């Protein structure tokens, strides 16, 4: 693996006291920029950068110069030669996101920031993920407004945390919808080419990176390292395609659930081949008519529990928004739904698919199922699952992102559709021996649909949308949890938002927590979410996990 030493020198005890004061200031202001100056023990000292049992939160800070985009002049997407638009706003935050109204692929890349927090939310230190600043420089960026990105996952051993991004420089435009170099789609309106990258981080704060041609035209969203023995592999989740239908073979093959082998060479020396799908689902398994090939596996959330890989789908105009799993036995679900077979092994190799039927059937044979009891309806208007976490074999918590509807009621002063949701927030599912059933959904304390104040953010309405700038919580995205000594569980989750922003994915959001009893049939009296961390002006939060080195037994 390529190891990058990016931490400051070890702090003396007297300096640590000064740094702690700065940390407390950061928690008050929500400033990721200030937080990035906080020091900690360096990996070069031989001491861990991260402490077991702490939280790791991924986020980003917008820092693009306003003059880099010129309204009426800058062509969008960059390099476009047909059907192009010109920018309607410069690069100043947050008006820059109004460019999404003229360019549906609009995005701006930004550095990834990883914050180590205590479970109660006190900032310990911050680590910037290296960016690919020049030829031969290993690093990765995120697309600032791409809300489905930067999930964090502890590896099977608990020694590492993984995430996904792009091989690109900061402040690049429309990278999240670019093609990957090995899988070009001539109908994609974004002509740029960028590899997607899996990042891996250890307890010393050391990174390694692996690039892939998967997710061409769209984004890789989550990665999980299976380092439980034998050959290490990544399972990844994402979406592919930003062009016309029918899609090229490489787009179909590069969607959904992928298996990627970690690489030791520097990024510039890596030569990834074609994507290698590890999971495939098609709605024809349920008896439905086929839709756009490759879009049934527009996956977002990803976890592994009891040697089974689980995925969620919660967006897009095709397929079923629900919870899926990979069946390595071929016996678990002959009709598209079922339960994992006892003793099933984790997948260690990709699907040996039939290339002759890609355009008509997609990646076959199909080896994924909808978890028994979860929704099977096409294009649901009430199911938007994102992150998932198993408290035990019979209790599954699902983060529902909400429907994203930003209809605003001046009469109530709320985003009325968001406020009226009953399935957005944290869903608790219970297994009764034959099927999973929704026990209840908790949203108390999230204030769904109620605008909140972000210091420094514009007030009033965004003239481009006619809706308020102020965001409101719409639901939850990525999450993690732990089983407490008393048998209760504590769950930490990242919120989703609605607003009048030109791109709601760019809204400042929050890290929240809640404690629940797995055995309860209904929420306890007063059970409510608490805000642990708030993103500030020009910031977003994306993923949450425990720190590398924590161990994976109860997380």
Protein backbone atom coordinates (compact mmCIF):
# COMPACT_ATOMS: atom_id res chain seq x y z
CA UNK A 1 0.00 0.00 0.00
CA UNK A 2 1.11 3.56 -0.64
CA UNK A 3 1.49 5.30 2.73
CA UNK A 4 1.25 9.06 2.98
CA UNK A 5 2.45 10.91 6.06
CA UNK A 6 0.36 14.03 6.35
CA UNK A 7 0.13 14.74 10.09
CA UNK A 8 1.81 17.49 12.06
CA UNK A 9 4.56 16.81 14.55
CA UNK A 10 3.71 15.47 18.00
CA UNK A 11 2.47 18.16 20.34
CA UNK A 12 4.00 18.80 23.73
CA UNK A 13 1.58 18.73 26.68
CA UNK A 14 1.58 22.55 27.00
CA UNK A 15 0.65 23.00 23.34
CA UNK A 16 -2.13 20.41 23.65
CA UNK A 17 -3.85 22.58 26.27
CA UNK A 18 -3.87 25.49 23.83
CA UNK A 19 -5.16 23.28 21.05
CA UNK A 20 -8.00 22.03 23.23
CA UNK A 21 -9.26 25.59 23.60
CA UNK A 22 -9.26 25.94 19.81
CA UNK A 23 -11.18 22.68 19.58
CA UNK A 24 -13.92 23.94 21.86
CA UNK A 25 -14.20 27.07 19.75
CA UNK A 26 -14.56 24.93 16.66
CA UNK A 27 -17.42 22.98 18.25
CA UNK A 28 -19.22 26.22 18.92
CA UNK A 29 -18.76 27.71 15.45
CA UNK A 30 -18.90 24.49 13.45
CA UNK A 31 -15.83 25.44 11.44
CA UNK A 32 -14.12 22.64 9.57
CA UNK A 33 -11.53 25.11 8.29
CA UNK A 34 -10.49 26.05 11.81
CA UNK A 35 -10.67 22.44 12.90
CA UNK A 36 -8.17 21.44 10.24
CA UNK A 37 -5.49 23.39 12.12
CA UNK A 38 -5.92 21.30 15.27
CA UNK A 39 -2.88 19.12 15.95
CA UNK A 40 -2.56 15.57 17.27
CA UNK A 41 0.03 12.86 17.75
CA UNK A 42 1.70 12.12 14.42
CA UNK A 43 1.91 8.72 12.81
CA UNK A 44 5.65 9.19 12.54
CA UNK A 45 5.91 9.06 16.35
CA UNK A 46 4.75 5.43 16.31
CA UNK A 47 1.66 6.35 18.31
CA UNK A 48 -1.87 5.95 16.91
CA UNK A 49 -3.48 9.02 15.40
CA UNK A 50 -6.94 7.67 16.33
CA UNK A 51 -8.20 6.31 19.64
CA UNK A 52 -10.40 3.18 19.68
CA UNK A 53 -14.06 3.88 20.42
CA UNK A 54 -14.11 7.42 19.06
CA UNK A 55 -16.19 8.54 16.09
CA UNK A 56 -14.85 9.41 12.65
CA UNK A 57 -16.91 11.87 10.58
CA UNK A 58 -16.27 12.75 6.95
CA UNK A 59 -17.06 16.15 5.55
CA UNK A 60 -15.88 18.88 3.23
CA UNK A 61 -15.42 22.64 3.12
CA UNK A 62 -16.14 24.67 0.01
CA UNK A 63 -13.19 26.89 -0.97
CA UNK A 64 -13.44 27.72 -4.69
CA UNK A 65 -12.59 31.24 -5.89
CA UNK A 66 -15.66 33.22 -7.10
CA UNK A 67 -13.83 34.30 -10.29
CA UNK A 68 -13.26 30.73 -11.44
CA UNK A 69 -16.82 30.63 -12.85
CA UNK A 70 -18.02 33.59 -14.94
CA UNK A 71 -21.80 33.99 -15.43
CA UNK A 72 -22.76 34.06 -19.11
CA UNK A 73 -19.26 32.97 -20.14
CA UNK A 74 -18.26 29.71 -18.47
CA UNK A 75 -19.51 26.81 -20.56
CA UNK A 76 -21.23 24.02 -18.66
CA UNK A 77 -20.47 21.16 -18.57
CA UNK A 78 -16.75 21.96 -19.11
CA UNK A 79 -15.60 20.92 -22.58
CA UNK A 80 -19.17 20.67 -23.84
CA UNK A 81 -19.59 21.09 -27.61
CA UNK A 82 -23.31 20.42 -28.12
CA UNK A 83 -26.41 21.31 -26.13
CA UNK A 84 -24.31 23.36 -23.73
CA UNK A 85 -25.29 25.96 -21.14
CA UNK A 86 -23.49 28.93 -19.66
CA UNK A 87 -23.15 29.58 -15.95
CA UNK A 88 -25.84 31.68 -14.29
CA UNK A 89 -23.81 32.31 -11.11
CA UNK A 90 -20.16 32.71 -10.25
CA UNK A 91 -18.38 30.31 -7.89
CA UNK A 92 -19.26 32.20 -4.70
CA UNK A 93 -20.98 30.03 -2.10
CA UNK A 94 -23.91 29.33 -1.85
CA UNK A 95 -25.20 30.95 -5.05
CA UNK A 96 -22.84 28.75 -7.05
CA UNK A 97 -25.36 25.89 -6.72
CA UNK A 98 -27.90 27.78 -8.80
CA UNK A 99 -25.80 26.60 -11.74
CA UNK A 100 -27.47 23.23 -11.19
CA UNK A 101 -30.61 24.80 -12.65
CA UNK A 102 -28.91 25.16 -16.06
CA UNK A 103 -26.54 22.18 -15.85
CA UNK A 104 -28.10 19.07 -14.31
CA UNK A 105 -24.61 17.56 -13.91
CA UNK A 106 -23.21 20.56 -12.06
CA UNK A 107 -20.81 19.90 -9.20
CA UNK A 108 -17.58 21.26 -7.75
CA UNK A 109 -14.88 19.05 -6.22
CA UNK A 110 -13.49 19.83 -2.77
CA UNK A 111 -11.05 18.27 -0.28
CA UNK A 112 -12.24 15.60 2.15
CA UNK A 113 -11.85 16.31 5.86
CA UNK A 114 -11.99 13.58 8.53
CA UNK A 115 -12.80 14.61 12.10
CA UNK A 116 -12.17 12.42 15.14
CA UNK A 117 -14.83 13.09 17.77
CA UNK A 118 -15.55 11.58 21.13
CA UNK A 119 -18.97 9.87 21.16
CA UNK A 120 -20.37 12.97 22.89
CA UNK A 121 -19.08 15.20 20.10
CA UNK A 122 -15.87 16.78 21.44
CA UNK A 123 -13.35 17.29 18.66
CA UNK A 124 -10.08 15.39 19.18
CA UNK A 125 -8.24 16.11 15.93
CA UNK A 126 -8.75 16.51 12.20
CA UNK A 127 -7.10 14.88 9.23
CA UNK A 128 -7.21 16.19 5.66
CA UNK A 129 -7.30 13.51 2.98
CA UNK A 130 -4.48 14.18 0.48
CA UNK A 131 -5.60 15.54 -2.88
CA UNK A 132 -4.10 14.72 -6.26
CA UNK A 133 -2.33 18.06 -6.57
CA UNK A 134 -0.09 17.05 -9.48
CA UNK A 135 1.27 14.17 -11.58
CA UNK A 136 2.36 11.27 -9.41
CA UNK A 137 0.59 12.67 -6.34
CA UNK A 138 -1.77 10.22 -4.64
CA UNK A 139 -5.01 11.63 -3.31
CA UNK A 140 -8.74 11.93 -3.70
CA UNK A 141 -11.49 14.56 -3.59
CA UNK A 142 -15.25 14.55 -3.22
CA UNK A 143 -17.96 16.39 -5.13
CA UNK A 144 -19.11 18.95 -2.56
CA UNK A 145 -22.84 18.83 -3.28
CA UNK A 146 -23.09 15.07 -3.94
CA UNK A 147 -25.06 14.07 -0.86
CA UNK A 148 -24.74 10.30 -1.39
CA UNK A 149 -20.93 10.26 -1.17
CA UNK A 150 -18.27 9.69 1.49
CA UNK A 151 -19.82 6.94 3.59
CA UNK A 152 -17.33 5.56 6.12
CA UNK A 153 -17.12 1.86 6.98
CA UNK A 154 -14.98 -0.06 9.44
CA UNK A 155 -13.33 -3.08 7.85
CA UNK A 156 -14.17 -6.64 8.90
CA UNK A 157 -11.22 -6.64 11.31
CA UNK A 158 -11.91 -3.12 12.55
CA UNK A 159 -8.36 -2.09 11.65
CA UNK A 160 -9.27 0.18 8.73
CA UNK A 161 -11.90 2.65 7.54
CA UNK A 162 -12.78 2.95 3.86
CA UNK A 163 -14.52 5.56 1.70
CA UNK A 164 -14.80 6.59 -1.98
CA UNK A 165 -13.99 9.67 -4.04
CA UNK A 166 -12.47 10.84 -7.33
CA UNK A 167 -8.98 11.09 -8.76
CA UNK A 168 -9.15 14.81 -9.46
CA UNK A 169 -7.99 18.17 -8.20
CA UNK A 170 -10.11 20.45 -5.97
CA UNK A 171 -12.39 23.03 -7.66
CA UNK A 172 -12.95 20.92 -10.79
CA UNK A 173 -16.44 21.07 -12.31
CA UNK A 174 -18.91 18.25 -13.03
CA UNK A 175 -16.52 15.45 -12.04
CA UNK A 176 -19.26 13.44 -10.30
CA UNK A 177 -20.95 12.81 -13.66
CA UNK A 178 -17.80 12.36 -15.71
CA UNK A 179 -16.92 9.11 -17.45
CA UNK A 180 -14.19 6.87 -16.11
CA UNK A 181 -11.26 6.53 -18.57
CA UNK A 182 -11.92 2.85 -19.23
CA UNK A 183 -15.69 3.11 -19.78
CA UNK A 184 -16.67 5.99 -22.04
CA UNK A 185 -20.28 6.84 -22.85
CA UNK A 186 -20.45 9.09 -25.92
CA UNK A 187 -23.95 10.25 -24.93
CA UNK A 188 -22.84 11.56 -21.53
CA UNK A 189 -23.12 15.38 -21.67
CA UNK A 190 -20.03 15.60 -19.42
CA UNK A 191 -16.97 14.87 -21.58
CA UNK A 192 -14.45 14.75 -18.72
CA UNK A 193 -12.76 11.54 -17.55
CA UNK A 194 -11.94 10.71 -13.92
CA UNK A 195 -11.24 7.46 -12.14
CA UNK A 196 -13.23 6.68 -9.01
CA UNK A 197 -11.01 5.87 -6.02
CA UNK A 198 -11.33 3.77 -2.86
CA UNK A 199 -9.52 5.31 0.10
CA UNK A 200 -8.29 3.20 3.02
CA UNK A 201 -7.18 4.63 6.38
CA UNK A 202 -5.49 2.98 9.38
CA UNK A 203 -5.24 3.95 13.06
CA UNK A 204 -1.95 5.81 12.47
CA UNK A 205 -3.62 8.16 9.98
CA UNK A 206 -1.97 6.51 6.99
CA UNK A 207 -3.76 6.29 3.63
CA UNK A 208 -3.70 3.96 0.66
CA UNK A 209 -5.71 4.36 -2.54
CA UNK A 210 -7.10 2.11 -5.28
CA UNK A 211 -8.62 3.44 -8.49
CA UNK A 212 -11.38 1.83 -10.56
CA UNK A 213 -13.27 2.27 -13.82
CA UNK A 214 -16.54 1.45 -12.08
CA UNK A 215 -19.35 4.02 -11.69
CA UNK A 216 -18.65 5.79 -14.97
CA UNK A 217 -21.07 8.70 -15.40
CA UNK A 218 -22.01 8.72 -11.73
CA UNK A 219 -20.54 8.17 -8.29
CA UNK A 220 -19.08 5.56 -6.00
CA UNK A 221 -20.69 6.00 -2.61
CA UNK A 222 -19.44 3.45 -0.08
CA UNK A 223 -16.71 0.85 0.33
CA UNK A 224 -16.20 -1.99 2.81
CA UNK A 225 -12.93 -3.87 3.20
CA UNK A 226 -13.22 -7.61 3.79
CA UNK A 227 -9.93 -8.31 5.56
CA UNK A 228 -11.25 -11.26 7.57
CA UNK A 229 -8.74 -13.72 6.13
CA UNK A 230 -7.35 -14.76 2.79
CA UNK A 231 -7.20 -12.21 -0.02
CA UNK A 232 -8.48 -8.76 0.92
CA UNK A 233 -11.26 -7.34 -1.25
CA UNK A 234 -13.45 -4.23 -1.26
CA UNK A 235 -17.21 -4.38 -1.69
CA UNK A 236 -18.42 -1.06 -3.07
CA UNK A 237 -21.78 0.60 -3.71
CA UNK A 238 -22.68 3.26 -6.23
CA UNK A 239 -24.43 4.21 -9.44
CA UNK A 240 -23.36 4.46 -13.08
CA UNK A 241 -24.57 6.19 -16.21
CA UNK A 242 -25.34 9.79 -17.15
CA UNK A 243 -26.25 9.32 -20.80
CA UNK A 244 -28.92 7.97 -23.10
CA UNK A 245 -30.60 4.59 -23.15
CA UNK A 246 -29.44 2.00 -24.18
CA UNK A 247 -26.31 2.34 -22.11
CA UNK A 248 -22.91 0.99 -23.22
CA UNK A 249 -21.90 -2.40 -21.83
CA UNK A 250 -19.25 -0.84 -19.60
CA UNK A 251 -21.81 1.39 -17.90
CA UNK A 252 -24.09 -1.57 -17.17
CA UNK A 253 -21.23 -3.69 -15.84
CA UNK A 254 -19.83 -0.80 -13.75
CA UNK A 255 -22.99 -0.03 -11.76
CA UNK A 256 -24.24 -1.11 -8.36
CA UNK A 257 -22.33 -3.64 -6.26
CA UNK A 258 -18.68 -4.09 -7.22
CA UNK A 259 -15.74 -6.16 -6.00
CA UNK A 260 -12.36 -4.39 -6.15
CA UNK A 261 -8.93 -5.72 -5.19
CA UNK A 262 -6.85 -3.28 -3.08
CA UNK A 263 -3.71 -2.08 -4.85
CA UNK A 264 -0.26 -1.44 -3.39
CA UNK A 265 1.17 0.71 -6.20
CA UNK A 266 0.83 4.51 -6.31
CA UNK A 267 -2.26 5.70 -8.16
CA UNK A 268 -0.37 6.90 -11.22
CA UNK A 269 1.07 3.40 -11.69
CA UNK A 270 -2.23 1.58 -11.36
CA UNK A 271 -3.92 0.34 -14.54
CA UNK A 272 -7.44 -0.79 -13.61
CA UNK A 273 -9.30 -3.01 -16.02
CA UNK A 274 -13.03 -3.37 -16.56
CA UNK A 275 -15.35 -3.24 -13.52
CA UNK A 276 -16.11 -6.52 -11.76
CA UNK A 277 -19.69 -6.67 -10.42
CA UNK A 278 -20.20 -8.77 -7.29
CA UNK A 279 -23.97 -8.38 -7.01
CA UNK A 280 -26.82 -8.05 -9.49
CA UNK A 281 -30.59 -7.58 -9.21
CA UNK A 282 -33.31 -7.02 -11.79
CA UNK A 283 -36.94 -6.17 -11.13
CA UNK A 284 -37.99 -9.01 -13.43
CA UNK A 285 -37.09 -11.27 -10.47
CA UNK A 286 -40.26 -9.87 -8.85
CA UNK A 287 -42.37 -10.39 -11.96
CA UNK A 288 -42.18 -6.71 -12.99
CA UNK A 289 -41.47 -5.58 -16.53
CA UNK A 290 -37.84 -4.62 -17.18
CA UNK A 291 -36.82 -0.97 -17.06
CA UNK A 292 -33.52 0.80 -17.80
CA UNK A 293 -30.84 -1.89 -17.63
CA UNK A 294 -28.26 -1.17 -14.94
CA UNK A 295 -30.37 1.27 -12.93
CA UNK A 296 -32.05 -1.34 -10.72
CA UNK A 297 -28.78 -1.42 -8.74
CA UNK A 298 -28.47 2.30 -8.01
CA UNK A 299 -27.12 1.48 -4.54
CA UNK A 300 -26.32 3.88 -1.69
CA UNK A 301 -25.91 2.21 1.70
CA UNK A 302 -23.62 -0.75 2.38
CA UNK A 303 -22.88 -2.96 5.38
CA UNK A 304 -21.76 -6.49 6.20
CA UNK A 305 -23.32 -8.54 9.02
CA UNK A 306 -22.92 -12.24 9.82
CA UNK A 307 -21.03 -12.88 6.57
CA UNK A 308 -23.72 -11.30 4.39
CA UNK A 309 -23.30 -8.13 2.30
CA UNK A 310 -26.29 -5.77 2.40
CA UNK A 311 -27.08 -2.78 0.16
CA UNK A 312 -29.80 -0.14 0.03
CA UNK A 313 -31.42 1.66 -2.87
CA UNK A 314 -33.23 4.90 -2.07
CA UNK A 315 -33.21 7.10 -5.14
CA UNK A 316 -33.60 7.17 -8.90
CA UNK A 317 -36.53 6.72 -11.28
CA UNK A 318 -36.05 2.96 -11.77
CA UNK A 319 -36.22 -0.11 -9.61
CA UNK A 320 -37.25 -0.67 -6.00
CA UNK A 321 -36.18 1.46 -3.04
CA UNK A 322 -35.46 -1.12 -0.36
CA UNK A 323 -32.84 -3.29 1.40
CA UNK A 324 -30.99 -5.99 -0.58
CA UNK A 325 -28.45 -8.71 0.16
CA UNK A 326 -26.05 -10.82 -1.90
CA UNK A 327 -26.95 -14.52 -1.93
CA UNK A 328 -23.79 -16.60 -2.45
CA UNK A 329 -25.70 -19.89 -2.22
CA UNK A 330 -28.13 -19.43 -5.12
CA UNK A 331 -30.94 -20.79 -2.95
CA UNK A 332 -32.11 -17.95 -0.70
CA UNK A 333 -34.71 -16.24 -2.86
CA UNK A 334 -35.99 -17.83 -6.07
CA UNK A 335 -38.66 -15.11 -6.48
CA UNK A 336 -36.58 -12.02 -5.74
CA UNK A 337 -37.20 -11.83 -1.99
CA UNK A 338 -35.90 -13.99 0.83
CA UNK A 339 -33.55 -14.41 3.77
CA UNK A 340 -29.82 -15.14 3.85
CA UNK A 341 -29.08 -18.87 3.93
CA UNK A 342 -27.53 -20.10 7.20
CA UNK A 343 -23.78 -20.54 6.90
CA UNK A 344 -23.49 -18.52 3.67
CA UNK A 345 -19.99 -17.29 2.91
CA UNK A 346 -18.97 -13.80 1.89
CA UNK A 347 -18.34 -13.36 -1.84
CA UNK A 348 -14.68 -13.53 -2.84
CA UNK A 349 -14.97 -13.32 -6.62
CA UNK A 350 -17.06 -11.30 -9.11
CA UNK A 351 -20.03 -12.58 -11.08
CA UNK A 352 -19.13 -14.66 -14.14
CA UNK A 353 -21.72 -12.79 -16.20
CA UNK A 354 -22.90 -13.48 -19.74
CA UNK A 355 -21.75 -10.54 -21.93
CA UNK A 356 -24.11 -11.52 -24.77
CA UNK A 357 -27.24 -10.52 -22.80
CA UNK A 358 -26.01 -7.33 -21.11
CA UNK A 359 -28.20 -5.08 -23.25
CA UNK A 360 -31.38 -7.06 -22.63
CA UNK A 361 -30.98 -8.60 -19.18
CA UNK A 362 -28.09 -6.76 -17.58
CA UNK A 363 -25.53 -8.59 -15.46
CA UNK A 364 -26.63 -12.21 -15.16
CA UNK A 365 -26.89 -14.51 -13.34
CA UNK A 366 -28.73 -12.42 -10.74
CA UNK A 367 -27.49 -13.13 -7.24
CA UNK A 368 -29.24 -10.52 -5.08
CA UNK A 369 -32.53 -10.52 -3.19
CA UNK A 370 -34.77 -8.06 -1.38
CA UNK A 371 -34.67 -8.80 2.33
CA UNK A 372 -37.96 -10.53 3.25
CA UNK A 373 -40.51 -8.03 4.61
CA UNK A 374 -38.93 -4.92 3.10
CA UNK A 375 -40.73 -2.93 0.37
CA UNK A 376 -41.04 -4.41 -3.12
CA UNK A 377 -43.07 -1.63 -4.79
CA UNK A 378 -41.65 0.16 -7.82
CA UNK A 379 -40.81 3.87 -7.56
CA UNK A 380 -41.95 4.25 -3.97
CA UNK A 381 -42.89 7.69 -2.68
CA UNK A 382 -42.42 6.71 0.97
CA UNK A 383 -39.28 4.52 1.09
CA UNK A 384 -35.85 6.16 0.81
CA UNK A 385 -33.43 3.91 2.75
CA UNK A 386 -29.81 4.96 3.07
CA UNK A 387 -27.55 3.74 5.89
CA UNK A 388 -28.23 0.47 7.73
CA UNK A 389 -26.92 -0.96 11.01
CA UNK A 390 -27.63 -4.30 12.70
CA UNK A 391 -27.87 -4.15 16.50
CA UNK A 392 -28.20 -7.94 16.50
CA UNK A 393 -29.53 -10.71 14.26
CA UNK A 394 -33.13 -9.68 14.95
CA UNK A 395 -32.90 -5.87 15.06
CA UNK A 396 -32.00 -3.70 12.07
CA UNK A 397 -31.94 0.11 12.05
CA UNK A 398 -32.44 1.85 8.71
CA UNK A 399 -31.83 5.54 8.03
CA UNK A 400 -34.54 6.93 5.75
CA UNK A 401 -33.44 10.06 3.91
CA UNK A 402 -36.88 11.52 3.25
CA UNK A 403 -38.49 12.32 -0.08
CA UNK A 404 -36.53 15.51 -0.87
CA UNK A 405 -39.67 17.55 -1.57
CA UNK A 406 -38.94 21.20 -0.76
CA UNK A 407 -42.48 22.56 -1.09
CA UNK A 408 -42.67 25.44 1.38
CA UNK A 409 -45.71 26.70 3.25
CA UNK A 410 -45.55 30.40 4.10
CA UNK A 411 -48.55 29.88 6.37
CA UNK A 412 -46.81 27.38 8.65
CA UNK A 413 -43.24 28.52 7.97
CA UNK A 414 -42.18 24.96 7.19
CA UNK A 415 -41.27 22.73 4.28
CA UNK A 416 -44.71 21.19 4.54
CA UNK A 417 -44.17 17.89 2.75
CA UNK A 418 -40.98 17.17 4.70
CA UNK A 419 -42.72 18.05 7.96
CA UNK A 420 -45.57 15.65 7.27
CA UNK A 421 -43.47 12.54 6.64
CA UNK A 422 -44.04 9.49 8.84
CA UNK A 423 -41.32 7.13 7.57
CA UNK A 424 -38.37 9.54 7.37
CA UNK A 425 -35.77 9.37 10.13
CA UNK A 426 -34.63 6.22 11.93
CA UNK A 427 -36.63 3.07 11.18
CA UNK A 428 -36.41 0.07 13.48
CA UNK A 429 -37.07 -3.31 11.87
CA UNK A 430 -37.61 -6.53 13.85
CA UNK A 431 -37.19 -10.10 12.58
CA UNK A 432 -39.93 -12.48 13.79
CA UNK A 433 -38.32 -15.68 12.53
CA UNK A 434 -39.81 -15.60 9.05
CA UNK A 435 -39.88 -11.94 7.99
CA UNK A 436 -38.67 -8.46 8.87
CA UNK A 437 -41.31 -5.97 10.07
CA UNK A 438 -41.20 -2.23 10.68
CA UNK A 439 -41.68 -1.70 14.43
CA UNK A 440 -41.56 2.11 14.45
CA UNK A 441 -39.85 5.19 13.07
CA UNK A 442 -38.21 7.78 15.31
CA UNK A 443 -37.95 11.39 14.15
CA UNK A 444 -38.45 13.29 17.44
CA UNK A 445 -35.78 15.95 17.81
CA UNK A 446 -35.03 16.11 14.08
CA UNK A 447 -37.62 18.86 13.54
CA UNK A 448 -38.44 17.59 10.07
CA UNK A 449 -39.28 20.42 7.69
CA UNK A 450 -38.54 23.21 10.18
CA UNK A 451 -35.94 25.70 8.84
CA UNK A 452 -32.86 26.18 11.01
CA UNK A 453 -30.35 29.01 11.13
CA UNK A 454 -26.83 28.67 9.75
CA UNK A 455 -24.59 31.59 10.88
CA UNK A 456 -23.44 33.61 7.86
CA UNK A 457 -25.91 31.93 5.51
CA UNK A 458 -28.17 34.17 3.38
CA UNK A 459 -31.57 35.04 4.77
CA UNK A 460 -34.82 35.35 2.84
CA UNK A 461 -35.47 33.56 -0.43
CA UNK A 462 -33.11 32.38 -3.12
CA UNK A 463 -34.20 34.45 -6.15
CA UNK A 464 -33.35 31.57 -8.51
CA UNK A 465 -35.81 29.18 -6.84
CA UNK A 466 -38.20 31.48 -4.99
CA UNK A 467 -37.75 29.38 -1.84
CA UNK A 468 -35.98 30.10 1.47
CA UNK A 469 -32.23 29.67 1.69
CA UNK A 470 -32.56 28.25 5.21
CA UNK A 471 -32.39 24.44 5.19
CA UNK A 472 -34.50 22.01 7.18
CA UNK A 473 -33.89 18.38 8.09
CA UNK A 474 -35.60 15.90 5.75
CA UNK A 475 -34.37 12.60 7.21
CA UNK A 476 -31.15 10.65 7.77
CA UNK A 477 -28.38 9.30 5.54
CA UNK A 478 -25.32 7.39 6.77
CA UNK A 479 -25.25 5.97 10.29
CA UNK A 480 -23.37 3.76 12.74
CA UNK A 481 -24.14 2.41 16.17
CA UNK A 482 -22.93 0.52 19.21
CA UNK A 483 -24.43 -1.84 21.76
CA UNK A 484 -24.07 -0.36 25.25
CA UNK A 485 -23.26 -2.34 28.43
CA UNK A 486 -26.88 -2.06 29.61
CA UNK A 487 -28.19 -3.60 26.37
CA UNK A 488 -29.39 -0.35 24.86
CA UNK A 489 -27.96 0.93 21.59
CA UNK A 490 -26.69 4.36 20.64
CA UNK A 491 -26.87 5.39 17.01
CA UNK A 492 -25.16 8.30 15.30
CA UNK A 493 -26.46 9.52 11.93
CA UNK A 494 -25.93 12.25 9.34
CA UNK A 495 -29.00 14.30 8.45
CA UNK A 496 -30.37 15.08 4.99
CA UNK A 497 -31.89 18.45 4.13
CA UNK A 498 -34.42 20.32 2.00
CA UNK A 499 -34.16 24.00 1.12
CA UNK A 500 -34.41 26.58 -1.63
CA UNK A 501 -30.76 26.03 -2.52
CA UNK A 502 -30.14 25.32 -6.19
CA UNK A 503 -28.75 21.96 -5.05
CA UNK A 504 -30.06 20.71 -1.70
CA UNK A 505 -27.10 18.37 -1.37
CA UNK A 506 -24.93 21.40 -0.67
CA UNK A 507 -26.84 22.44 2.47
CA UNK A 508 -25.04 22.50 5.82
CA UNK A 509 -26.36 19.55 7.83
CA UNK A 510 -25.86 17.79 11.16
CA UNK A 511 -24.55 14.75 13.03
CA UNK A 512 -27.19 13.54 15.48
CA UNK A 513 -27.45 10.71 18.01
CA UNK A 514 -30.16 8.74 19.79
CA UNK A 515 -30.33 5.86 22.28
CA UNK A 516 -32.92 3.12 21.82
CA UNK A 517 -33.84 -0.21 23.40
CA UNK A 518 -33.64 -3.03 20.81
CA UNK A 519 -36.29 -5.04 22.69
CA UNK A 520 -38.81 -2.18 22.76
CA UNK A 521 -41.98 -2.33 20.66
CA UNK A 522 -42.29 1.47 20.67
CA UNK A 523 -40.01 4.42 21.40
CA UNK A 524 -39.41 5.19 25.06
CA UNK A 525 -41.05 8.27 26.52
CA UNK A 526 -38.90 11.28 25.66
CA UNK A 527 -36.72 9.36 23.21
CA UNK A 528 -35.35 12.01 20.90
CA UNK A 529 -32.41 12.86 18.66
CA UNK A 530 -29.70 15.17 19.98
CA UNK A 531 -27.43 17.28 17.79
CA UNK A 532 -23.80 16.20 18.20
CA UNK A 533 -22.16 18.32 15.49
CA UNK A 534 -23.43 20.99 13.09
CA UNK A 535 -21.82 21.88 9.76
CA UNK A 536 -21.24 25.59 9.37
CA UNK A 537 -21.29 27.98 6.45
CA UNK A 538 -19.72 26.36 3.40
CA UNK A 539 -19.54 22.92 5.01
CA UNK A 540 -21.23 19.52 4.69
CA UNK A 541 -21.10 16.33 6.74
CA UNK A 542 -21.35 12.99 4.94
CA UNK A 543 -20.26 9.79 6.69
CA UNK A 544 -19.83 8.46 10.23
CA UNK A 545 -18.14 5.35 11.62
CA UNK A 546 -15.98 4.38 14.53
CA UNK A 547 -12.26 5.08 14.26
CA UNK A 548 -9.91 2.57 12.63
CA UNK A 549 -8.52 0.29 15.32
CA UNK A 550 -11.80 0.21 17.25
CA UNK A 551 -12.57 -3.42 16.37
CA UNK A 552 -15.74 -4.51 14.63
CA UNK A 553 -17.45 -6.80 17.15
CA UNK A 554 -20.26 -4.46 18.23
CA UNK A 555 -20.19 -1.67 15.62
